[in-house]
Amino acid sequence: MRHGKKFNHLSRQTGHRKAMLANMACSLIEHKRINTTVAKAKALKQFIEPLVTKSKEDTTHNRRICFSYLRSKYAVTELFREVADKVGDRPGGYTRIIKLGNRLGDNADMAMIELVDFNTIYSTAKKEVKKASTRRGKSKKADETTGEAPAAESTDTTDAAE
């Protein structure tokens, strides 16, 4: 029975689980993405999302709360400086879990968890899509910028010459 089981205990005792999640969170903050099992990635997502939300408001109290979870001065400093600047306008959903397949040794489901705003591949692709919103205006804008005559007029001049 699962009475009162609100989170995955990951087959570990409380102290070991908290230390493991703190270390994984510090690695995620430092490297911006890590590879782990799917179960640990989901547990880490629940662990780190409230800390990133706290880092949006840089107060001494919030820094101390984050330090009590992370236990690393370097990770707290980077969380409040770099990560908080990137996620300042985002209302939530700071991490992304991408499933990678199964591990060779024990066939465990593997996943990559990353901070969303630090992935340059997805962020640049979205910006390009926003610029290319209409089709009609492109040909007119291209003709005006190059200074060339439109294709229809050039065909008329060749027909008239013949």
C-alpha atoms as a PDB file:
ATOM      1  CA  MET A   1       0.000   0.000   0.000  1.00  0.00           C
ATOM      2  CA  ARG A   2       1.142   3.535  -0.674  1.00  0.00           C
ATOM      3  CA  HIS A   3      -0.471   5.382   2.230  1.00  0.00           C
ATOM      4  CA  GLY A   4       1.159   8.799   2.653  1.00  0.00           C
ATOM      5  CA  LYS A   5       3.817   8.192  -0.011  1.00  0.00           C
ATOM      6  CA  LYS A   6       4.035  11.603  -1.682  1.00  0.00           C
ATOM      7  CA  PHE A   7       7.428  11.221  -3.404  1.00  0.00           C
ATOM      8  CA  ASN A   8       9.725   8.478  -4.622  1.00  0.00           C
ATOM      9  CA  HIS A   9      12.024   7.242  -1.863  1.00  0.00           C
ATOM     10  CA  LEU A  10      14.436   5.818  -4.475  1.00  0.00           C
ATOM     11  CA  SER A  11      15.171   2.749  -2.261  1.00  0.00           C
ATOM     12  CA  ARG A  12      17.316   4.875   0.044  1.00  0.00           C
ATOM     13  CA  GLN A  13      17.166   6.088   3.600  1.00  0.00           C
ATOM     14  CA  THR A  14      16.381   9.728   4.260  1.00  0.00           C
ATOM     15  CA  GLY A  15      19.923  11.007   4.804  1.00  0.00           C
ATOM     16  CA  HIS A  16      21.313   9.215   1.781  1.00  0.00           C
ATOM     17  CA  ARG A  17      18.460  10.413  -0.444  1.00  0.00           C
ATOM     18  CA  LYS A  18      18.805  14.047   0.643  1.00  0.00           C
ATOM     19  CA  ALA A  19      22.575  13.994   0.125  1.00  0.00           C
ATOM     20  CA  MET A  20      22.216  12.385  -3.291  1.00  0.00           C
ATOM     21  CA  LEU A  21      19.619  14.921  -4.447  1.00  0.00           C
ATOM     22  CA  ALA A  22      21.732  17.801  -3.131  1.00  0.00           C
ATOM     23  CA  ASN A  23      24.779  16.537  -5.035  1.00  0.00           C
ATOM     24  CA  MET A  24      22.774  15.992  -8.212  1.00  0.00           C
ATOM     25  CA  ALA A  25      21.253  19.484  -7.925  1.00  0.00           C
ATOM     26  CA  CYS A  26      24.720  21.028  -7.506  1.00  0.00           C
ATOM     27  CA  SER A  27      25.932  19.142 -10.585  1.00  0.00           C
ATOM     28  CA  LEU A  28      22.892  20.278 -12.566  1.00  0.00           C
ATOM     29  CA  ILE A  29      23.469  23.913 -11.600  1.00  0.00           C
ATOM     30  CA  GLU A  30      27.158  23.682 -12.457  1.00  0.00           C
ATOM     31  CA  HIS A  31      26.952  21.736 -15.743  1.00  0.00           C
ATOM     32  CA  LYS A  32      23.397  22.803 -16.819  1.00  0.00           C
ATOM     33  CA  ARG A  33      22.558  19.190 -17.819  1.00  0.00           C
ATOM     34  CA  ILE A  34      23.263  15.735 -16.408  1.00  0.00           C
ATOM     35  CA  ASN A  35      22.490  12.143 -17.349  1.00  0.00           C
ATOM     36  CA  THR A  36      20.776   9.936 -14.777  1.00  0.00           C
ATOM     37  CA  THR A  37      17.939   7.447 -14.451  1.00  0.00           C
ATOM     38  CA  VAL A  38      14.368   8.542 -15.143  1.00  0.00           C
ATOM     39  CA  ALA A  39      13.269   8.024 -11.515  1.00  0.00           C
ATOM     40  CA  LYS A  40      16.145  10.115 -10.149  1.00  0.00           C
ATOM     41  CA  ALA A  41      15.522  12.804 -12.776  1.00  0.00           C
ATOM     42  CA  LYS A  42      11.866  13.098 -11.746  1.00  0.00           C
ATOM     43  CA  ALA A  43      12.836  13.289  -8.067  1.00  0.00           C
ATOM     44  CA  LEU A  44      15.496  15.894  -8.880  1.00  0.00           C
ATOM     45  CA  LYS A  45      12.953  17.976 -10.800  1.00  0.00           C
ATOM     46  CA  GLN A  46      10.724  18.177  -7.714  1.00  0.00           C
ATOM     47  CA  PHE A  47      13.786  19.010  -5.600  1.00  0.00           C
ATOM     48  CA  ILE A  48      15.272  21.802  -7.708  1.00  0.00           C
ATOM     49  CA  GLU A  49      12.256  23.663  -9.122  1.00  0.00           C
ATOM     50  CA  PRO A  50      11.345  25.354  -5.789  1.00  0.00           C
ATOM     51  CA  LEU A  51      14.992  26.345  -5.308  1.00  0.00           C
ATOM     52  CA  VAL A  52      15.102  28.037  -8.715  1.00  0.00           C
ATOM     53  CA  THR A  53      11.884  29.864  -7.852  1.00  0.00           C
ATOM     54  CA  LYS A  54      13.490  31.073  -4.606  1.00  0.00           C
ATOM     55  CA  SER A  55      16.543  32.289  -6.524  1.00  0.00           C
ATOM     56  CA  LYS A  56      14.450  34.797  -8.492  1.00  0.00           C
ATOM     57  CA  GLU A  57      14.313  37.040  -5.425  1.00  0.00           C
ATOM     58  CA  ASP A  58      17.841  37.589  -4.124  1.00  0.00           C
ATOM     59  CA  THR A  59      17.506  37.970  -0.377  1.00  0.00           C
ATOM     60  CA  THR A  60      19.660  36.669   2.451  1.00  0.00           C
ATOM     61  CA  HIS A  61      16.799  34.518   3.690  1.00  0.00           C
ATOM     62  CA  ASN A  62      16.329  32.845   0.286  1.00  0.00           C
ATOM     63  CA  ARG A  63      20.065  32.248  -0.027  1.00  0.00           C
ATOM     64  CA  ARG A  64      20.129  30.546   3.370  1.00  0.00           C
ATOM     65  CA  ILE A  65      17.145  28.362   2.490  1.00  0.00           C
ATOM     66  CA  CYS A  66      18.830  27.263  -0.744  1.00  0.00           C
ATOM     67  CA  PHE A  67      22.113  26.647   1.067  1.00  0.00           C
ATOM     68  CA  SER A  68      20.360  24.395   3.574  1.00  0.00           C
ATOM     69  CA  TYR A  69      19.213  22.209   0.660  1.00  0.00           C
ATOM     70  CA  LEU A  70      22.255  22.388  -1.617  1.00  0.00           C
ATOM     71  CA  ARG A  71      25.082  22.536   0.969  1.00  0.00           C
ATOM     72  CA  SER A  72      27.463  24.167  -1.503  1.00  0.00           C
ATOM     73  CA  LYS A  73      28.375  27.857  -1.516  1.00  0.00           C
ATOM     74  CA  TYR A  74      29.516  27.713  -5.142  1.00  0.00           C
ATOM     75  CA  ALA A  75      26.233  26.183  -6.314  1.00  0.00           C
ATOM     76  CA  VAL A  76      24.156  28.745  -4.396  1.00  0.00           C
ATOM     77  CA  THR A  77      26.204  31.612  -5.835  1.00  0.00           C
ATOM     78  CA  GLU A  78      25.821  30.329  -9.384  1.00  0.00           C
ATOM     79  CA  LEU A  79      22.117  29.663  -8.836  1.00  0.00           C
ATOM     80  CA  PHE A  80      21.451  33.226  -7.723  1.00  0.00           C
ATOM     81  CA  ARG A  81      23.691  34.877 -10.337  1.00  0.00           C
ATOM     82  CA  GLU A  82      23.558  33.010 -13.643  1.00  0.00           C
ATOM     83  CA  VAL A  83      20.473  30.814 -13.379  1.00  0.00           C
ATOM     84  CA  ALA A  84      18.230  33.459 -11.802  1.00  0.00           C
ATOM     85  CA  ASP A  85      19.114  35.959 -14.558  1.00  0.00           C
ATOM     86  CA  LYS A  86      18.084  33.532 -17.309  1.00  0.00           C
ATOM     87  CA  VAL A  87      14.824  32.384 -15.688  1.00  0.00           C
ATOM     88  CA  GLY A  88      13.705  35.756 -14.357  1.00  0.00           C
ATOM     89  CA  ASP A  89      10.654  36.069 -16.601  1.00  0.00           C
ATOM     90  CA  ARG A  90       9.692  32.360 -16.735  1.00  0.00           C
ATOM     91  CA  PRO A  91       6.730  31.451 -14.487  1.00  0.00           C
ATOM     92  CA  GLY A  92       7.848  27.847 -13.921  1.00  0.00           C
ATOM     93  CA  GLY A  93       9.071  24.721 -15.676  1.00  0.00           C
ATOM     94  CA  TYR A  94      12.778  25.398 -15.358  1.00  0.00           C
ATOM     95  CA  THR A  95      13.929  21.857 -16.169  1.00  0.00           C
ATOM     96  CA  ARG A  96      13.351  19.447 -19.043  1.00  0.00           C
ATOM     97  CA  ILE A  97      13.639  15.651 -18.917  1.00  0.00           C
ATOM     98  CA  ILE A  98      14.580  13.894 -22.156  1.00  0.00           C
ATOM     99  CA  LYS A  99      14.500  10.095 -22.154  1.00  0.00           C
ATOM    100  CA  LEU A 100      17.600   8.512 -23.686  1.00  0.00           C
ATOM    101  CA  GLY A 101      16.904   4.784 -23.721  1.00  0.00           C
ATOM    102  CA  ASN A 102      18.179   1.929 -21.581  1.00  0.00           C
ATOM    103  CA  ARG A 103      21.549   1.560 -19.874  1.00  0.00           C
ATOM    104  CA  LEU A 104      23.665  -1.310 -21.147  1.00  0.00           C
ATOM    105  CA  GLY A 105      24.625  -2.839 -17.802  1.00  0.00           C
ATOM    106  CA  ASP A 106      21.288  -3.218 -16.042  1.00  0.00           C
ATOM    107  CA  ASN A 107      18.737  -2.017 -18.655  1.00  0.00           C
ATOM    108  CA  ALA A 108      17.681   0.939 -16.489  1.00  0.00           C
ATOM    109  CA  ASP A 109      15.708   3.742 -18.164  1.00  0.00           C
ATOM    110  CA  MET A 110      18.103   6.652 -18.651  1.00  0.00           C
ATOM    111  CA  ALA A 111      17.255  10.326 -19.044  1.00  0.00           C
ATOM    112  CA  MET A 112      18.956  13.668 -19.471  1.00  0.00           C
ATOM    113  CA  ILE A 113      17.715  16.477 -17.241  1.00  0.00           C
ATOM    114  CA  GLU A 114      18.664  20.006 -18.220  1.00  0.00           C
ATOM    115  CA  LEU A 115      17.908  23.602 -17.391  1.00  0.00           C
ATOM    116  CA  VAL A 116      15.589  24.834 -20.141  1.00  0.00           C
ATOM    117  CA  ASP A 117      16.982  28.337 -20.720  1.00  0.00           C
ATOM    118  CA  PHE A 118      20.579  27.152 -21.114  1.00  0.00           C
ATOM    119  CA  ASN A 119      19.911  24.974 -24.172  1.00  0.00           C
ATOM    120  CA  THR A 120      21.012  27.097 -27.141  1.00  0.00           C
ATOM    121  CA  ILE A 121      19.663  24.677 -29.767  1.00  0.00           C
ATOM    122  CA  TYR A 122      16.016  25.047 -28.759  1.00  0.00           C
ATOM    123  CA  SER A 123      16.186  28.746 -27.904  1.00  0.00           C
ATOM    124  CA  THR A 124      17.668  29.799 -31.281  1.00  0.00           C
ATOM    125  CA  ALA A 125      15.268  27.580 -33.229  1.00  0.00           C
ATOM    126  CA  LYS A 126      12.261  29.237 -31.594  1.00  0.00           C
ATOM    127  CA  LYS A 127      13.529  32.723 -32.414  1.00  0.00           C
ATOM    128  CA  GLU A 128      13.944  31.868 -36.108  1.00  0.00           C
ATOM    129  CA  VAL A 129      10.431  30.443 -36.278  1.00  0.00           C
ATOM    130  CA  LYS A 130       8.950  33.639 -34.850  1.00  0.00           C
ATOM    131  CA  LYS A 131      10.647  35.767 -37.532  1.00  0.00           C
ATOM    132  CA  ALA A 132       9.275  33.631 -40.379  1.00  0.00           C
ATOM    133  CA  SER A 133       5.598  34.186 -39.598  1.00  0.00           C
ATOM    134  CA  THR A 134       4.143  35.211 -42.984  1.00  0.00           C
ATOM    135  CA  ARG A 135       4.818  34.175 -46.542  1.00  0.00           C
ATOM    136  CA  ARG A 136       3.387  37.032 -48.572  1.00  0.00           C
ATOM    137  CA  GLY A 137       5.560  39.830 -47.242  1.00  0.00           C
ATOM    138  CA  LYS A 138       8.890  38.146 -47.883  1.00  0.00           C
ATOM    139  CA  SER A 139       9.044  38.529 -51.680  1.00  0.00           C
ATOM    140  CA  LYS A 140       8.193  42.234 -51.545  1.00  0.00           C
ATOM    141  CA  LYS A 141      10.705  42.894 -48.783  1.00  0.00           C
ATOM    142  CA  ALA A 142      13.407  40.948 -50.615  1.00  0.00           C
ATOM    143  CA  ASP A 143      12.850  42.952 -53.832  1.00  0.00           C
ATOM    144  CA  GLU A 144      12.977  46.288 -51.998  1.00  0.00           C
ATOM    145  CA  THR A 145      16.182  45.458 -50.139  1.00  0.00           C
ATOM    146  CA  THR A 146      18.065  44.151 -53.189  1.00  0.00           C
ATOM    147  CA  GLY A 147      16.835  46.880 -55.524  1.00  0.00           C
ATOM    148  CA  GLU A 148      16.103  44.382 -58.294  1.00  0.00           C
ATOM    149  CA  ALA A 149      13.011  44.383 -60.435  1.00  0.00           C
ATOM    150  CA  PRO A 150      10.354  41.784 -59.621  1.00  0.00           C
ATOM    151  CA  ALA A 151      10.404  38.565 -61.617  1.00  0.00           C
ATOM    152  CA  ALA A 152       7.140  39.402 -63.446  1.00  0.00           C
ATOM    153  CA  GLU A 153       8.539  42.612 -64.913  1.00  0.00           C
ATOM    154  CA  SER A 154      11.728  40.921 -66.074  1.00  0.00           C
ATOM    155  CA  THR A 155       9.718  38.355 -68.060  1.00  0.00           C
ATOM    156  CA  ASP A 156       7.701  41.154 -69.692  1.00  0.00           C
ATOM    157  CA  THR A 157      10.843  42.869 -70.931  1.00  0.00           C
ATOM    158  CA  THR A 158      12.171  39.680 -72.493  1.00  0.00           C
ATOM    159  CA  ASP A 159       8.842  39.063 -74.252  1.00  0.00           C
ATOM    160  CA  ALA A 160       8.801  42.622 -75.611  1.00  0.00           C
ATOM    161  CA  ALA A 161      12.358  42.281 -76.943  1.00  0.00           C
ATOM    162  CA  GLU A 162      11.436  39.249 -79.003  1.00  0.00           C
END
